[in-house]
Amino acid sequence: MRRRTKVPAAPLPQVAGVDPVRLRLPADPAGAWPTVRDHLLARYAGAIGAGRVEAMLAEGRFVGADGAAVRADEPYTAGRHLWFHRDLPPEERVPFEVGIVYRDERIVIADKPHFLATTPRGRHVTETALARLRRDLRLPALQPAHRLDRLTAGLALFVVRPEDRGAYQALFRDRRVRKEYEAVAPYDPGLALPVTVRSRIVKERGVLAAREEPGEPNSESRIELIEHRGGLGRYRLVPATGQTHQLRVHLNRLGIPILHDPLYPVVREDGPEDYARPLQLLARSLEFTDPFTGAGRRFASGLALAPLPGDDGKVSAG
């Protein structure tokens, strides 16, 4: 049995709540990379430009496990770990705060606003719930136990200590967390509800919208109508599985796409964020048995979706 090599601790601190990038130098059977510089140019020149790679080496931006800067002419050693911080371009600040529903020594339950990504990904790096919480709560080791779509608001569970993360992740992986969502979408008097929708959902990397295709179902959602007024309905959504965009896909399949959804039924052209028109989908509650204490835990979001026509007493979650 092959023994896994322990990864050294990062020698660089976080920047703006974002971890440094770690890379492990791969095997080089053809001898194409005599020096560390040769490999870094082959690996990153296409993404950031050869000049930027050379500049980062000259500035000492790449470091080894001991924190010392890597010289460009150092011999290449397969299996070695290096760390560096990416150049972080300015990001537009999402003009909503992350709420804290609950916090103890093990977990943080956050109320994530619409438009804020859960974790760094793509062009959203510093403007993410994880980066903000690490900075604001001074918890550099904080990690998410699951992920909530960027356009969806509501509850997200973060783990304070790295050694506890696996136990909370397992709750979501093994479907031992009851998640309840709320959505505002068109009201169809001809649609018989409640209904359980099952289908096979496929989400391809690089393609914005997921799609349904024939085959064994890999997704299941229960859809219930809470109330309706003025052509709109408020729905309770209880997913049994966690496919990407699952609830959005299933409501679109029923002919009642979620209000202000930029992907379903039609993918809209990319453009500036319209903060006045957030996707009307909210992760309303999380319920589970704590893996460490055995206690039942239930948390409810303090956010609310847009009021239905004539219902002026509610506020927007955006």
Protein backbone atom coordinates (compact mmCIF):
# COMPACT_ATOMS: atom_id res chain seq x y z
CA MET A 1 0.00 0.00 0.00
CA ARG A 2 1.44 3.35 -1.05
CA ARG A 3 1.91 5.76 1.83
CA ARG A 4 0.76 9.31 1.25
CA THR A 5 3.39 11.98 1.78
CA LYS A 6 2.42 14.53 4.39
CA VAL A 7 2.06 17.99 2.89
CA PRO A 8 4.13 20.63 4.73
CA ALA A 9 2.33 23.58 6.29
CA ALA A 10 2.14 26.67 4.11
CA PRO A 11 5.10 28.97 4.84
CA LEU A 12 3.21 32.03 3.57
CA PRO A 13 0.40 33.79 5.42
CA GLN A 14 -3.00 34.44 3.89
CA VAL A 15 -3.54 37.64 1.94
CA ALA A 16 -7.00 39.22 2.27
CA GLY A 17 -8.30 35.92 3.64
CA VAL A 18 -7.00 33.94 0.66
CA ASP A 19 -4.56 31.02 1.00
CA PRO A 20 -1.36 30.90 -1.05
CA VAL A 21 -1.33 28.55 -4.03
CA ARG A 22 0.52 25.29 -3.37
CA LEU A 23 2.04 23.30 -6.21
CA ARG A 24 3.88 20.00 -6.18
CA LEU A 25 6.50 19.62 -8.86
CA PRO A 26 5.57 16.57 -10.99
CA ALA A 27 7.84 13.88 -12.39
CA ASP A 28 9.92 14.96 -15.38
CA PRO A 29 10.90 11.70 -17.18
CA ALA A 30 11.89 13.53 -20.38
CA GLY A 31 14.17 15.97 -18.55
CA ALA A 32 12.35 18.96 -20.04
CA TRP A 33 12.84 21.12 -16.94
CA PRO A 34 16.48 21.34 -15.85
CA THR A 35 15.63 24.22 -13.49
CA VAL A 36 12.62 25.34 -11.44
CA ARG A 37 12.35 28.33 -13.80
CA ASP A 38 11.91 26.03 -16.80
CA HIS A 39 8.95 24.28 -15.20
CA LEU A 40 7.26 27.46 -13.97
CA LEU A 41 7.49 28.98 -17.43
CA ALA A 42 6.02 25.85 -19.01
CA ARG A 43 3.26 25.75 -16.42
CA TYR A 44 2.21 29.39 -16.12
CA ALA A 45 3.52 31.39 -19.08
CA GLY A 46 0.36 30.72 -21.06
CA ALA A 47 -1.86 31.92 -18.21
CA ILE A 48 -0.02 34.99 -16.94
CA GLY A 49 2.80 35.53 -19.44
CA ALA A 50 6.47 34.58 -19.38
CA GLY A 51 7.46 38.09 -18.30
CA ARG A 52 5.23 37.91 -15.23
CA VAL A 53 6.66 34.52 -14.25
CA GLU A 54 10.20 35.91 -14.57
CA ALA A 55 9.24 38.96 -12.51
CA MET A 56 7.69 36.85 -9.75
CA LEU A 57 10.85 34.77 -9.56
CA ALA A 58 12.98 37.92 -9.38
CA GLU A 59 10.73 39.29 -6.62
CA GLY A 60 11.03 36.11 -4.55
CA ARG A 61 7.33 35.36 -4.86
CA PHE A 62 7.83 31.58 -5.13
CA VAL A 63 8.98 29.98 -1.88
CA GLY A 64 9.83 26.50 -0.65
CA ALA A 65 8.66 24.70 2.50
CA ASP A 66 11.19 26.64 4.58
CA GLY A 67 9.79 29.97 3.38
CA ALA A 68 12.96 30.85 1.49
CA ALA A 69 12.59 32.34 -1.98
CA VAL A 70 13.23 29.95 -4.85
CA ARG A 71 16.03 30.93 -7.23
CA ALA A 72 15.34 30.68 -10.95
CA ASP A 73 18.41 28.54 -11.54
CA GLU A 74 17.73 25.97 -8.80
CA PRO A 75 17.80 22.41 -10.14
CA TYR A 76 14.39 20.90 -10.71
CA THR A 77 13.37 18.35 -8.05
CA ALA A 78 10.24 16.28 -8.65
CA GLY A 79 7.93 16.05 -5.62
CA ARG A 80 9.04 19.37 -4.14
CA HIS A 81 6.33 21.71 -2.83
CA LEU A 82 6.32 25.40 -3.70
CA TRP A 83 3.94 28.18 -2.65
CA PHE A 84 3.08 31.59 -4.06
CA HIS A 85 0.32 34.19 -3.99
CA ARG A 86 -1.50 34.96 -7.20
CA ASP A 87 -1.81 38.54 -8.36
CA LEU A 88 -5.29 39.46 -7.18
CA PRO A 89 -7.03 41.93 -9.49
CA PRO A 90 -9.42 44.44 -7.89
CA GLU A 91 -12.90 43.01 -7.40
CA GLU A 92 -16.17 44.89 -7.21
CA ARG A 93 -17.45 44.65 -3.65
CA VAL A 94 -20.76 42.87 -3.26
CA PRO A 95 -22.74 45.54 -1.35
CA PHE A 96 -24.30 43.19 1.21
CA GLU A 97 -22.94 41.85 4.49
CA VAL A 98 -22.47 38.26 5.61
CA GLY A 99 -24.67 37.61 8.64
CA ILE A 100 -23.66 35.33 11.51
CA VAL A 101 -26.52 33.09 12.63
CA TYR A 102 -24.47 30.99 15.05
CA ARG A 103 -20.87 30.58 16.15
CA ASP A 104 -19.04 28.31 18.59
CA GLU A 105 -15.59 26.71 18.87
CA ARG A 106 -16.32 24.26 16.03
CA ILE A 107 -18.66 25.87 13.49
CA VAL A 108 -19.89 29.14 12.05
CA ILE A 109 -23.35 29.27 10.48
CA ALA A 110 -23.36 32.22 8.08
CA ASP A 111 -26.19 33.96 6.25
CA LYS A 112 -24.63 34.45 2.82
CA PRO A 113 -26.13 37.23 0.72
CA HIS A 114 -26.99 36.93 -2.95
CA PHE A 115 -24.14 37.53 -5.45
CA LEU A 116 -21.38 36.53 -3.00
CA ALA A 117 -19.53 33.29 -3.83
CA THR A 118 -18.98 30.84 -0.99
CA THR A 119 -15.30 30.16 -1.76
CA PRO A 120 -12.62 31.59 -4.08
CA ARG A 121 -13.20 30.43 -7.63
CA GLY A 122 -12.56 31.95 -11.04
CA ARG A 123 -12.83 35.73 -10.94
CA HIS A 124 -14.32 35.74 -7.43
CA VAL A 125 -11.48 35.45 -4.93
CA THR A 126 -11.38 38.11 -2.22
CA GLU A 127 -15.10 38.88 -2.63
CA THR A 128 -16.26 35.55 -1.23
CA ALA A 129 -17.95 34.56 2.00
CA LEU A 130 -14.94 32.50 3.07
CA ALA A 131 -12.41 35.30 2.57
CA ARG A 132 -14.64 37.84 4.30
CA LEU A 133 -15.31 35.59 7.30
CA ARG A 134 -11.64 34.71 7.71
CA ARG A 135 -10.79 38.42 7.80
CA ASP A 136 -13.73 39.66 9.85
CA LEU A 137 -13.78 36.87 12.43
CA ARG A 138 -9.98 36.45 12.49
CA LEU A 139 -10.30 32.74 11.76
CA PRO A 140 -7.59 32.00 9.15
CA ALA A 141 -8.21 28.23 9.27
CA LEU A 142 -11.94 28.53 8.57
CA GLN A 143 -13.18 26.20 5.81
CA PRO A 144 -16.62 25.49 4.29
CA ALA A 145 -18.34 22.15 4.91
CA HIS A 146 -20.37 22.56 1.70
CA ARG A 147 -20.96 25.15 -1.03
CA LEU A 148 -23.88 27.42 -1.78
CA ASP A 149 -24.29 28.83 -5.30
CA ARG A 150 -23.08 32.40 -5.70
CA LEU A 151 -26.51 33.70 -6.72
CA THR A 152 -28.32 31.87 -3.90
CA ALA A 153 -28.66 33.52 -0.50
CA GLY A 154 -28.95 31.84 2.89
CA LEU A 155 -27.31 29.43 5.28
CA ALA A 156 -23.82 28.03 4.83
CA LEU A 157 -21.88 25.99 7.39
CA PHE A 158 -18.19 26.74 7.95
CA VAL A 159 -15.80 24.75 10.15
CA VAL A 160 -13.40 26.52 12.49
CA ARG A 161 -10.78 23.78 12.99
CA PRO A 162 -9.29 21.76 10.11
CA GLU A 163 -9.42 18.53 12.10
CA ASP A 164 -13.22 18.85 12.45
CA ARG A 165 -13.97 19.56 8.80
CA GLY A 166 -14.23 15.96 7.59
CA ALA A 167 -16.95 15.09 10.10
CA TYR A 168 -19.17 17.98 8.97
CA GLN A 169 -18.46 17.39 5.30
CA ALA A 170 -19.55 13.77 5.79
CA LEU A 171 -22.97 14.97 6.97
CA PHE A 172 -23.57 16.62 3.59
CA ARG A 173 -21.94 13.83 1.59
CA ASP A 174 -24.04 11.17 3.29
CA ARG A 175 -27.25 13.25 3.03
CA ARG A 176 -27.66 13.54 6.78
CA VAL A 177 -28.44 17.25 6.61
CA ARG A 178 -32.04 18.29 6.00
CA LYS A 179 -31.92 21.41 3.84
CA GLU A 180 -34.97 23.52 3.18
CA TYR A 181 -35.08 26.30 0.61
CA GLU A 182 -37.59 28.96 -0.32
CA ALA A 183 -38.19 30.43 -3.76
CA VAL A 184 -40.41 32.97 -5.47
CA ALA A 185 -41.54 31.93 -8.94
CA PRO A 186 -44.59 32.22 -11.21
CA TYR A 187 -47.83 30.67 -9.97
CA ASP A 188 -49.46 28.09 -12.23
CA PRO A 189 -52.96 27.10 -11.04
CA GLY A 190 -52.81 24.04 -13.29
CA LEU A 191 -49.72 22.63 -11.59
CA ALA A 192 -50.53 19.96 -9.00
CA LEU A 193 -48.45 20.51 -5.87
CA PRO A 194 -46.79 19.24 -3.79
CA VAL A 195 -44.74 17.17 -6.20
CA THR A 196 -41.44 15.28 -6.07
CA VAL A 197 -39.24 15.81 -9.12
CA ARG A 198 -36.56 13.27 -10.04
CA SER A 199 -34.26 13.58 -13.03
CA ARG A 200 -30.72 13.12 -14.29
CA ILE A 201 -28.85 16.44 -14.21
CA VAL A 202 -25.53 16.96 -15.99
CA LYS A 203 -23.35 20.04 -15.49
CA GLU A 204 -20.39 20.36 -17.84
CA ARG A 205 -17.32 22.33 -16.86
CA GLY A 206 -17.25 25.66 -18.68
CA VAL A 207 -20.97 25.54 -19.54
CA LEU A 208 -23.06 27.94 -17.44
CA ALA A 209 -26.35 26.04 -17.37
CA ALA A 210 -26.91 22.45 -16.34
CA ARG A 211 -29.15 20.19 -18.39
CA GLU A 212 -31.39 17.18 -17.88
CA GLU A 213 -30.85 14.06 -19.93
CA PRO A 214 -32.33 10.55 -20.10
CA GLY A 215 -30.97 8.01 -17.68
CA GLU A 216 -30.97 6.99 -14.04
CA PRO A 217 -32.05 9.97 -11.88
CA ASN A 218 -29.31 11.52 -9.78
CA SER A 219 -31.42 14.35 -8.33
CA GLU A 220 -34.60 14.61 -6.28
CA SER A 221 -36.50 17.66 -5.01
CA ARG A 222 -39.85 18.08 -3.27
CA ILE A 223 -41.71 21.24 -4.31
CA GLU A 224 -44.52 22.68 -2.15
CA LEU A 225 -46.59 25.85 -2.59
CA ILE A 226 -46.65 28.06 0.52
CA GLU A 227 -48.79 30.92 -0.83
CA HIS A 228 -49.58 32.77 -4.05
CA ARG A 229 -50.64 36.27 -4.98
CA GLY A 230 -50.61 38.43 -8.09
CA GLY A 231 -49.35 35.70 -10.41
CA LEU A 232 -46.41 34.76 -8.18
CA GLY A 233 -46.00 31.95 -5.70
CA ARG A 234 -43.79 31.34 -2.69
CA TYR A 235 -42.48 27.78 -2.65
CA ARG A 236 -40.85 25.47 -0.11
CA LEU A 237 -38.14 23.33 -1.70
CA VAL A 238 -36.67 20.27 0.00
CA PRO A 239 -33.80 18.68 -1.97
CA ALA A 240 -32.87 15.07 -1.21
CA THR A 241 -29.72 15.38 -3.34
CA GLY A 242 -27.29 18.19 -4.12
CA GLN A 243 -26.64 18.44 -7.85
CA THR A 244 -25.42 21.79 -9.19
CA HIS A 245 -28.38 24.13 -9.91
CA GLN A 246 -30.75 21.30 -8.98
CA LEU A 247 -33.61 23.41 -7.62
CA ARG A 248 -33.33 25.93 -10.43
CA VAL A 249 -33.43 23.15 -13.02
CA HIS A 250 -36.39 21.40 -11.39
CA LEU A 251 -38.54 24.52 -11.09
CA ASN A 252 -37.76 25.40 -14.68
CA ARG A 253 -38.79 21.87 -15.69
CA LEU A 254 -42.17 22.45 -14.01
CA GLY A 255 -42.62 25.64 -16.05
CA ILE A 256 -42.14 27.96 -13.09
CA PRO A 257 -38.52 29.21 -13.34
CA ILE A 258 -37.31 31.09 -10.28
CA LEU A 259 -37.77 34.84 -10.45
CA HIS A 260 -34.72 36.71 -11.83
CA ASP A 261 -32.86 33.53 -12.77
CA PRO A 262 -30.21 34.51 -15.36
CA LEU A 263 -29.74 30.94 -16.64
CA TYR A 264 -33.11 29.20 -16.71
CA PRO A 265 -34.97 29.02 -19.00
CA VAL A 266 -32.65 31.26 -21.10
CA VAL A 267 -29.00 32.08 -20.47
CA ARG A 268 -28.67 35.85 -20.38
CA GLU A 269 -25.63 37.66 -21.71
CA ASP A 270 -22.93 38.36 -19.18
CA GLY A 271 -22.92 41.93 -17.90
CA PRO A 272 -22.81 44.08 -14.78
CA GLU A 273 -24.50 42.64 -11.70
CA ASP A 274 -28.05 43.91 -11.16
CA TYR A 275 -28.11 43.99 -7.37
CA ALA A 276 -31.73 45.12 -7.41
CA ARG A 277 -32.84 41.83 -9.03
CA PRO A 278 -31.34 38.95 -7.02
CA LEU A 279 -32.24 35.37 -7.81
CA GLN A 280 -35.25 34.64 -5.62
CA LEU A 281 -33.81 31.52 -4.00
CA LEU A 282 -32.96 31.28 -0.31
CA ALA A 283 -31.39 28.46 1.75
CA ARG A 284 -33.92 28.80 4.55
CA SER A 285 -32.86 26.17 7.10
CA LEU A 286 -30.27 23.52 7.99
CA GLU A 287 -31.01 20.63 10.35
CA PHE A 288 -28.62 17.85 11.44
CA THR A 289 -27.25 15.87 14.34
CA ASP A 290 -23.93 17.26 15.46
CA PRO A 291 -21.22 14.62 14.82
CA PHE A 292 -19.31 15.55 17.98
CA THR A 293 -22.00 16.21 20.60
CA GLY A 294 -24.86 14.08 19.22
CA ALA A 295 -27.20 17.04 19.75
CA GLY A 296 -29.86 17.94 17.23
CA ARG A 297 -29.12 21.28 15.56
CA ARG A 298 -31.48 23.45 13.54
CA PHE A 299 -30.69 26.86 12.12
CA ALA A 300 -32.93 29.30 10.26
CA SER A 301 -31.92 32.15 7.97
CA GLY A 302 -32.68 35.70 9.01
CA LEU A 303 -33.01 36.78 5.37
CA ALA A 304 -36.21 37.01 3.35
CA LEU A 305 -37.06 36.98 -0.32
CA ALA A 306 -38.99 39.66 -2.18
CA PRO A 307 -42.57 40.14 -0.98
CA LEU A 308 -45.38 38.93 -3.16
CA PRO A 309 -47.56 41.64 -4.73
CA GLY A 310 -49.60 43.33 -2.03
CA ASP A 311 -47.43 41.93 0.77
CA ASP A 312 -45.50 45.02 1.86
CA GLY A 313 -44.43 43.85 5.28
CA LYS A 314 -41.43 41.80 4.15
CA VAL A 315 -37.95 42.81 3.06
CA SER A 316 -35.66 41.53 0.36
CA ALA A 317 -32.80 39.13 1.11
CA GLY A 318 -30.65 41.00 -1.40
